Structures are given as structure tokens and as C-alpha cells.
Amino acid sequence: MSPVLEGKVAIITGAGRGIGRAFALRFAEERAKLLLPDISLERAEDTVKEIKAKGGEAVAMNADISDENDTKKTADKVMQQYGKVDILINNAAIWYGINITPWDAWTVEEWDRIFTVNVRGTWLCCKAIAPLMIKQSRGKIINMASNVAKVPAAQLFLPYSCSKGAMYTLTQALARALGPSGINVNAIAPGYVATEASLGQRDSEKTFEIATGEQTFHRRAETSDLVGTAVFLASAASDFIAGQVIYVDGGTVML
């Protein structure tokens, strides 16, 4: 089969590791040209090296999505490098270092930092990139939600769960706002995925046990389980889909 994203330009935030890295590698296989902003330039460059070693095209840059100046620089960079942008995957978020914590034991500083990155940062990326898509009357925006906003485990990671719940509203509001300009806005809601962050958590085994116990398929989700949905939402095959949250969580949430 021919690559489904050939000639497309995609921005994938937080592609230095975990789910974002898996997306970047797969999108490169589908012949998309990539800009990979990450809080760690070193990690982003490692992803770029792997992509280039396989014949793909990608550029790394250092960016903090919670900083509006950095999101504006990302918009400038994609235009300087490629002259357009077709796809934005808002993957970057605070998850590394988060552990099971009682709902009332989180600090105000932790709560604010999680919301600043996960919610405001996603909005800032859309604010910076959507105008470029509006000018060309097309584009795909894919936000990363999470099923943790809809399951009993929400209490274990309360501020993170609430921040991901905000992705539902943001996705649907932007889908209505940007749809008339030819831009599809959708979201992917994974369950508990076996990334470096998840595996490094203090209570990872307990959390995996809780998560897989709620699934229809009783195995750990891997990053490879998510990439097909991301490619679909980025491709022409999803041109008539907007404002949807697609659960890729082993059958935990059923609507």
C-alpha cells in the first residue's frame, strides 16, 4: 500500500519519547514531513535521528507548549521549514512523575502546573497553528485525551484526570469553531499505556492491574496500539469526522 500521508506536514508535540515518539516514527513511515517540538531538544533530536536513519524527514526544536512565545515560534518554524502545515498532534502533556495520590493531597502548585501544560498548552498550540490551516482551508488537529477522565481510576490521578477531561470540551468546541474552515478536530483517548512514564511510576503494577481489570482485553496497552488511529485521523479517510473522542483503551469505555 502507498503511504497515506505522503506530502503532508505534521507537527507532533512531545515526540521525544513515549506515545509522541511512536506517532512520529509511524508518520515518517507514512512519508509525512515532521516538525517535532519538545521540552527536551536532546530527546527530540534522538527521534529525528531514528527517522532520518530510515529515510524519513524530520526537524527537532526546543519548545515549551505552555509558553505562548514558544508556540508562536513553532508556527514560524513550520512555515520556514516546510511552507505549510497539514496536521497537528497535541501530544505533549505532564504525565511523567505523576503517582497515585489521594484526591486532597495534591498541592496547588501541582494542580496548576498540570493544567498549565495539559490544557492551556494544547489551546496555545491550536491558537498558533490553526490560523495557518485556516489560510489553506484544510487541516487535521488531533488532541490527546484519556479514558482516565471517565473511569474509576480518575480519583488516583485527580488533576491529570480533570485536565484530560478538559480535552473533551476543547476538542468539541474547536471542532465547531474550525469546521467551517475545513479543519477536522478530534481526539484520541487511550487507557493506561506501557510508556516509560507509566512503567516508572511508584505504583505502576497496582495501576496496571486496575486498568487492565476494567478492559475487555486483559493485556497492557502499548504505544503501537495507538498509532493506527492517529494515522486514520490525520488522513483523508477521516475527512467527514469532527468533534469525536475515539477510545483506544481495550474496550474499557463503551459509548
Protein backbone atom coordinates (compact mmCIF):
# COMPACT_ATOMS: atom_id res chain seq x y z
CA MET A 1 0.00 0.00 0.00
CA SER A 2 1.20 3.52 -0.77
CA PRO A 3 1.93 5.86 2.16
CA VAL A 4 -1.25 7.64 3.21
CA LEU A 5 0.44 10.81 4.47
CA GLU A 6 2.87 11.41 1.63
CA GLY A 7 3.40 15.12 1.05
CA LYS A 8 1.74 16.08 4.35
CA VAL A 9 3.45 18.18 7.01
CA ALA A 10 2.78 17.25 10.63
CA ILE A 11 3.66 18.84 13.95
CA ILE A 12 3.79 16.35 16.81
CA THR A 13 4.46 17.84 20.22
CA GLY A 14 6.27 15.83 22.86
CA ALA A 15 7.69 13.37 20.33
CA GLY A 16 10.91 12.81 22.21
CA ARG A 17 9.58 9.73 23.97
CA GLY A 18 6.52 7.64 24.69
CA ILE A 19 3.37 7.94 22.61
CA GLY A 20 4.59 11.02 20.74
CA ARG A 21 7.70 9.23 19.59
CA ALA A 22 5.65 6.26 18.38
CA PHE A 23 3.44 8.64 16.41
CA ALA A 24 6.45 10.37 14.86
CA LEU A 25 8.07 7.12 13.74
CA ARG A 26 4.84 5.85 12.18
CA PHE A 27 4.03 9.16 10.48
CA ALA A 28 7.53 9.15 8.99
CA GLU A 29 6.84 5.67 7.61
CA GLU A 30 3.71 7.12 6.02
CA ARG A 31 6.01 9.72 4.39
CA ALA A 32 4.85 12.77 6.35
CA LYS A 33 7.38 15.55 6.89
CA LEU A 34 7.67 16.27 10.58
CA LEU A 35 8.37 19.12 12.97
CA LEU A 36 8.90 17.78 16.48
CA PRO A 37 8.78 20.40 19.27
CA ASP A 38 9.73 19.03 22.68
CA ILE A 39 10.67 20.39 26.08
CA SER A 40 13.87 18.33 25.66
CA LEU A 41 15.71 19.14 22.46
CA GLU A 42 18.01 16.17 23.06
CA ARG A 43 15.13 13.68 23.12
CA ALA A 44 13.52 15.24 20.06
CA GLU A 45 16.82 15.06 18.18
CA ASP A 46 17.12 11.37 19.07
CA THR A 47 13.73 10.75 17.46
CA VAL A 48 14.78 12.75 14.40
CA LYS A 49 17.98 10.71 14.07
CA GLU A 50 16.00 7.47 14.04
CA ILE A 51 13.59 8.87 11.45
CA LYS A 52 16.39 10.08 9.19
CA ALA A 53 18.22 6.77 9.50
CA LYS A 54 15.15 5.15 7.93
CA GLY A 55 14.95 7.71 5.13
CA GLY A 56 12.34 10.00 6.66
CA GLU A 57 12.29 13.77 7.01
CA ALA A 58 12.01 15.47 10.38
CA VAL A 59 13.25 18.51 12.30
CA ALA A 60 13.54 18.87 16.07
CA MET A 61 13.10 22.05 18.08
CA ASN A 62 13.02 23.01 21.72
CA ALA A 63 9.63 24.29 22.85
CA ASP A 64 7.54 24.55 26.00
CA ILE A 65 3.92 24.39 24.86
CA SER A 66 2.75 26.30 27.94
CA ASP A 67 4.77 29.32 26.72
CA GLU A 68 2.90 31.32 24.07
CA ASN A 69 6.15 32.65 22.61
CA ASP A 70 7.31 29.08 22.04
CA THR A 71 4.08 28.07 20.31
CA LYS A 72 4.37 31.11 18.05
CA LYS A 73 7.97 30.08 17.28
CA THR A 74 6.67 26.62 16.38
CA ALA A 75 4.26 28.16 13.87
CA ASP A 76 7.07 30.27 12.41
CA LYS A 77 9.40 27.28 12.24
CA VAL A 78 7.00 25.03 10.36
CA MET A 79 6.42 27.73 7.75
CA GLN A 80 10.15 28.42 7.37
CA GLN A 81 10.95 24.74 7.08
CA TYR A 82 8.04 23.40 5.01
CA GLY A 83 5.86 26.33 3.97
CA LYS A 84 2.66 24.75 5.30
CA VAL A 85 1.19 22.52 7.99
CA ASP A 86 -1.47 19.87 7.47
CA ILE A 87 -1.57 18.03 10.80
CA LEU A 88 -1.14 19.00 14.45
CA ILE A 89 -0.98 16.32 17.13
CA ASN A 90 -1.21 17.84 20.61
CA ASN A 91 0.55 15.04 22.43
CA ALA A 92 2.79 16.90 24.91
CA ALA A 93 1.49 16.79 28.48
CA ILE A 94 2.60 16.31 32.05
CA TRP A 95 2.39 12.62 32.95
CA TYR A 96 5.98 11.76 33.77
CA GLY A 97 6.50 11.77 37.53
CA ILE A 98 2.79 11.60 38.43
CA ASN A 99 1.98 8.93 41.02
CA ILE A 100 -1.15 7.68 42.74
CA THR A 101 -2.07 10.38 45.27
CA PRO A 102 -5.18 10.89 47.44
CA TRP A 103 -7.51 13.46 45.89
CA ASP A 104 -6.91 16.01 48.66
CA ALA A 105 -3.13 15.55 48.89
CA TRP A 106 -2.24 17.29 45.63
CA THR A 107 -0.67 20.72 46.04
CA VAL A 108 -1.93 23.86 44.35
CA GLU A 109 1.39 24.08 42.52
CA GLU A 110 1.00 20.55 41.12
CA TRP A 111 -2.59 21.21 40.06
CA ASP A 112 -1.70 24.48 38.33
CA ARG A 113 1.34 23.08 36.54
CA ILE A 114 -0.62 20.12 35.15
CA PHE A 115 -3.41 22.37 33.87
CA THR A 116 -0.97 24.93 32.53
CA VAL A 117 0.72 22.37 30.30
CA ASN A 118 -2.05 19.89 29.52
CA VAL A 119 -4.91 22.32 28.90
CA ARG A 120 -3.50 25.79 28.29
CA GLY A 121 -0.58 24.34 26.33
CA THR A 122 -2.87 22.43 23.98
CA TRP A 123 -5.01 25.53 23.47
CA LEU A 124 -1.92 27.66 22.78
CA CYS A 125 -0.71 25.20 20.15
CA CYS A 126 -4.09 25.30 18.44
CA LYS A 127 -4.15 29.09 18.67
CA ALA A 128 -0.75 29.32 16.97
CA ILE A 129 -1.21 26.64 14.29
CA ALA A 130 -4.91 26.80 13.36
CA PRO A 131 -4.56 30.17 11.54
CA LEU A 132 -2.07 28.54 9.16
CA MET A 133 -4.60 25.81 8.42
CA ILE A 134 -7.42 28.32 8.00
CA LYS A 135 -5.46 30.07 5.25
CA GLN A 136 -5.28 26.84 3.27
CA SER A 137 -8.87 25.81 4.12
CA ARG A 138 -7.84 22.40 5.46
CA GLY A 139 -6.09 20.70 8.33
CA LYS A 140 -6.28 17.96 10.94
CA ILE A 141 -5.91 18.61 14.67
CA ILE A 142 -5.67 15.60 16.95
CA ASN A 143 -5.75 16.14 20.70
CA MET A 144 -4.71 13.56 23.24
CA ALA A 145 -7.45 12.98 25.80
CA SER A 146 -7.53 9.95 28.11
CA ASN A 147 -10.10 7.46 29.30
CA VAL A 148 -8.99 8.24 32.86
CA ALA A 149 -11.48 11.11 32.81
CA LYS A 150 -14.29 8.55 32.52
CA VAL A 151 -13.25 5.63 34.73
CA PRO A 152 -13.00 4.96 38.49
CA ALA A 153 -9.20 5.38 38.33
CA ALA A 154 -9.79 9.13 37.84
CA GLN A 155 -9.51 9.58 41.60
CA LEU A 156 -5.97 8.20 41.59
CA PHE A 157 -4.59 10.99 39.41
CA LEU A 158 -7.18 13.71 40.00
CA PRO A 159 -5.61 16.84 38.45
CA TYR A 160 -4.36 14.85 35.45
CA SER A 161 -7.78 13.23 35.04
CA CYS A 162 -9.51 16.61 35.18
CA SER A 163 -7.06 18.11 32.70
CA LYS A 164 -7.76 15.30 30.25
CA GLY A 165 -11.49 15.73 30.78
CA ALA A 166 -10.99 19.31 29.60
CA MET A 167 -9.69 17.88 26.30
CA TYR A 168 -13.20 16.61 25.56
CA THR A 169 -14.65 20.12 25.76
CA LEU A 170 -11.72 21.74 23.99
CA THR A 171 -11.88 19.22 21.15
CA GLN A 172 -15.61 19.62 20.59
CA ALA A 173 -15.57 23.41 20.92
CA LEU A 174 -12.71 23.74 18.42
CA ALA A 175 -14.36 21.26 16.06
CA ARG A 176 -17.36 23.57 15.84
CA ALA A 177 -15.25 26.71 15.62
CA LEU A 178 -12.85 25.42 12.96
CA GLY A 179 -15.06 23.03 10.99
CA PRO A 180 -16.38 25.79 8.68
CA SER A 181 -12.74 26.45 7.69
CA GLY A 182 -12.26 22.84 6.61
CA ILE A 183 -10.36 21.75 9.71
CA ASN A 184 -11.13 18.46 11.45
CA VAL A 185 -10.60 18.44 15.21
CA ASN A 186 -10.79 15.09 17.01
CA ALA A 187 -9.20 13.38 19.99
CA ILE A 188 -7.75 10.02 20.94
CA ALA A 189 -8.44 8.70 24.44
CA PRO A 190 -6.06 5.91 25.38
CA GLY A 191 -6.14 3.94 28.58
CA TYR A 192 -3.08 3.20 30.69
CA VAL A 193 -0.29 2.70 28.15
CA ALA A 194 3.04 1.00 28.88
CA THR A 195 5.29 4.01 28.29
CA GLU A 196 8.46 4.96 30.12
CA ALA A 197 6.38 7.31 32.27
CA SER A 198 3.80 4.71 33.24
CA LEU A 199 6.35 2.00 33.91
CA GLY A 200 8.39 4.40 36.06
CA GLN A 201 5.54 5.31 38.39
CA ARG A 202 5.80 4.36 42.05
CA ASP A 203 2.66 2.21 41.93
CA SER A 204 2.80 1.16 38.28
CA GLU A 205 1.98 -2.50 38.88
CA LYS A 206 -1.04 -1.60 41.00
CA THR A 207 -2.26 0.90 38.41
CA PHE A 208 -1.77 -1.52 35.52
CA GLU A 209 -3.73 -4.13 37.47
CA ILE A 210 -6.61 -1.69 37.99
CA ALA A 211 -6.54 -0.54 34.36
CA THR A 212 -6.39 -3.96 32.73
CA GLY A 213 -9.08 -5.24 35.08
CA GLU A 214 -11.50 -2.74 33.54
CA GLN A 215 -10.54 -3.62 29.95
CA THR A 216 -12.17 -6.15 27.66
CA PHE A 217 -8.70 -7.24 26.54
CA HIS A 218 -6.66 -8.14 29.59
CA ARG A 219 -3.22 -7.01 28.50
CA ARG A 220 -1.18 -3.86 28.75
CA ALA A 221 -1.67 -1.29 26.03
CA GLU A 222 1.45 -0.49 24.03
CA THR A 223 2.19 2.68 22.06
CA SER A 224 1.82 0.61 18.88
CA ASP A 225 -1.87 0.16 19.72
CA LEU A 226 -2.49 3.89 19.21
CA VAL A 227 -0.64 4.76 16.01
CA GLY A 228 -3.21 3.37 13.57
CA THR A 229 -5.94 5.61 14.97
CA ALA A 230 -3.65 8.64 14.75
CA VAL A 231 -2.84 7.90 11.10
CA PHE A 232 -6.53 7.44 10.33
CA LEU A 233 -7.49 10.77 11.92
CA ALA A 234 -4.63 12.51 10.09
CA SER A 235 -5.55 11.04 6.71
CA ALA A 236 -8.21 11.78 4.11
CA ALA A 237 -10.14 8.73 5.35
CA SER A 238 -11.43 10.82 8.29
CA ASP A 239 -12.43 13.93 6.32
CA PHE A 240 -16.08 13.77 7.49
CA ILE A 241 -15.31 13.16 11.17
CA ALA A 242 -15.22 16.03 13.65
CA GLY A 243 -15.54 16.57 17.38
CA GLN A 244 -15.12 12.89 18.24
CA VAL A 245 -13.19 11.31 21.07
CA ILE A 246 -12.04 7.88 19.95
CA TYR A 247 -11.30 5.47 22.78
CA VAL A 248 -8.32 3.21 22.20
CA ASP A 249 -8.39 1.56 25.58
CA GLY A 250 -9.00 -2.14 25.13
CA GLY A 251 -12.76 -1.81 25.50
CA THR A 252 -12.82 -0.06 28.88
CA VAL A 253 -15.13 2.81 27.95
CA MET A 254 -18.05 1.84 25.73
CA LEU A 255 -20.39 4.55 24.47
